[in-house]
Amino acid sequence: QVQLVESGGGLVQAGGSLRLSCAASGRTFGNDNMAWFRQAPGKEREFVSVILWSGVLPNYADSVKGRFTISRDSAKNTVYLQMNSLNPEDTAVYYCAAGGWGTLVSEYAYWGQGTQVTVAS
């Protein structure tokens, strides 16, 4: 069975940094895209970032552009999200997704369980 396991969430002060990890198992995604989405309380899940598993053509939501960096380690079948200059609006449950290609939730076949990121003002 395919499983995505997220880690790295937690509480951080505004202006701080956090690095999320998502380790995939059950298959090798190879050139498949990996993505991060987030969902704040009472809100729908929204796109954050996506990267081809080979590492080319990363894409970011406007709200995080210039602050977040997505990367991957194909040998570990793992994708990362480095989050800098965090603000309270970044507070959400962050989800890892795989097997898609774009910015829509419906485009992805596999999802992690989510990890909470809380940014204190």
Protein backbone atom coordinates (compact mmCIF):
# COMPACT_ATOMS: atom_id res chain seq x y z
CA GLN A 1 0.00 0.00 0.00
CA VAL A 2 1.18 3.50 -0.78
CA GLN A 3 1.76 5.59 2.31
CA LEU A 4 2.89 9.19 2.73
CA VAL A 5 4.23 10.08 6.19
CA GLU A 6 4.66 13.73 7.11
CA SER A 7 6.80 15.19 9.86
CA GLY A 8 8.28 18.50 10.97
CA GLY A 9 5.18 20.42 11.97
CA GLY A 10 4.93 22.31 15.22
CA LEU A 11 4.71 25.69 16.90
CA VAL A 12 6.91 28.55 15.73
CA GLN A 13 7.05 32.30 16.34
CA ALA A 14 6.20 34.74 13.56
CA GLY A 15 9.25 35.30 11.39
CA GLY A 16 10.62 31.87 12.19
CA SER A 17 11.29 28.85 10.02
CA LEU A 18 10.15 25.26 9.81
CA ARG A 19 11.03 22.35 7.54
CA LEU A 20 8.40 19.76 6.66
CA SER A 21 9.22 16.30 5.34
CA CYS A 22 7.07 13.75 3.53
CA ALA A 23 8.39 10.23 3.06
CA ALA A 24 6.59 8.01 0.56
CA SER A 25 6.54 4.23 0.66
CA GLY A 26 4.83 1.43 -1.24
CA ARG A 27 6.06 2.61 -4.61
CA THR A 28 8.73 4.75 -6.20
CA PHE A 29 7.21 7.90 -7.66
CA GLY A 30 10.07 8.54 -10.05
CA ASN A 31 9.12 11.46 -12.28
CA ASP A 32 5.70 11.92 -10.66
CA ASN A 33 4.89 15.28 -9.12
CA MET A 34 4.83 15.80 -5.37
CA ALA A 35 2.88 18.63 -3.78
CA TRP A 36 2.02 20.38 -0.54
CA PHE A 37 -1.45 21.62 0.35
CA ARG A 38 -2.73 23.23 3.53
CA GLN A 39 -6.06 23.60 5.27
CA ALA A 40 -6.88 26.16 7.94
CA PRO A 41 -9.78 25.58 10.37
CA GLY A 42 -13.10 26.12 8.61
CA LYS A 43 -11.43 26.55 5.23
CA GLU A 44 -11.04 24.34 2.18
CA ARG A 45 -7.74 22.71 1.36
CA GLU A 46 -5.55 24.97 -0.77
CA PHE A 47 -2.49 24.52 -2.93
CA VAL A 48 0.91 25.51 -1.56
CA SER A 49 3.63 24.10 -3.82
CA VAL A 50 4.38 21.36 -6.34
CA ILE A 51 7.54 19.89 -7.83
CA LEU A 52 8.27 17.20 -10.37
CA TRP A 53 9.89 14.28 -8.56
CA SER A 54 12.97 14.85 -10.72
CA GLY A 55 13.22 18.29 -9.11
CA VAL A 56 12.46 20.53 -12.07
CA LEU A 57 9.87 23.29 -12.46
CA PRO A 58 8.80 23.99 -8.89
CA ASN A 59 5.64 26.04 -8.55
CA TYR A 60 4.26 28.03 -5.61
CA ALA A 61 1.08 29.70 -4.53
CA ASP A 62 1.35 33.48 -4.57
CA SER A 63 0.86 33.59 -0.81
CA VAL A 64 4.10 31.67 -0.14
CA LYS A 65 6.25 32.64 -3.11
CA GLY A 66 9.64 33.88 -2.00
CA ARG A 67 9.26 32.39 1.48
CA PHE A 68 8.79 28.65 0.92
CA THR A 69 11.05 26.26 -0.99
CA ILE A 70 10.08 22.79 -2.16
CA SER A 71 12.72 20.14 -2.81
CA ARG A 72 13.08 16.39 -3.05
CA ASP A 73 15.46 13.51 -2.48
CA SER A 74 14.64 10.82 -5.01
CA ALA A 75 16.87 8.25 -3.31
CA LYS A 76 14.78 8.60 -0.15
CA ASN A 77 11.48 8.99 -2.01
CA THR A 78 10.97 12.13 0.07
CA VAL A 79 9.79 15.67 -0.55
CA TYR A 80 10.51 18.67 1.69
CA LEU A 81 9.01 22.08 2.28
CA GLN A 82 11.32 24.69 3.78
CA MET A 83 9.18 27.47 5.24
CA ASN A 84 10.81 30.79 6.13
CA SER A 85 9.43 34.12 7.34
CA LEU A 86 6.34 32.41 8.68
CA ASN A 87 3.34 34.50 9.67
CA PRO A 88 0.10 33.63 11.50
CA GLU A 89 -1.73 33.30 8.16
CA ASP A 90 0.42 30.24 7.47
CA THR A 91 -1.20 28.40 10.39
CA ALA A 92 -2.87 25.28 8.98
CA VAL A 93 -2.67 21.54 8.67
CA TYR A 94 -0.18 20.82 5.91
CA TYR A 95 -0.72 17.81 3.65
CA CYS A 96 1.65 16.01 1.33
CA ALA A 97 0.22 14.74 -1.97
CA ALA A 98 1.57 12.62 -4.80
CA GLY A 99 0.58 11.33 -8.22
CA GLY A 100 -0.82 14.59 -9.57
CA TRP A 101 0.43 17.44 -11.70
CA GLY A 102 -1.21 20.75 -10.83
CA THR A 103 -2.84 22.89 -8.16
CA LEU A 104 -6.14 21.07 -7.61
CA VAL A 105 -6.87 18.59 -4.84
CA SER A 106 -8.70 16.33 -7.28
CA GLU A 107 -5.58 15.88 -9.38
CA TYR A 108 -3.68 13.89 -6.72
CA ALA A 109 -4.05 10.19 -6.03
CA TYR A 110 -2.21 9.86 -2.72
CA TRP A 111 -2.27 11.94 0.46
CA GLY A 112 -0.53 12.07 3.80
CA GLN A 113 -2.29 12.37 7.13
CA GLY A 114 -1.37 16.02 7.61
CA THR A 115 0.88 17.80 10.07
CA GLN A 116 -0.09 20.85 12.12
CA VAL A 117 1.84 24.10 11.68
CA THR A 118 1.01 26.87 14.13
CA VAL A 119 2.60 30.31 13.87
CA ALA A 120 2.29 32.57 16.90
CA SER A 121 1.99 36.31 16.40
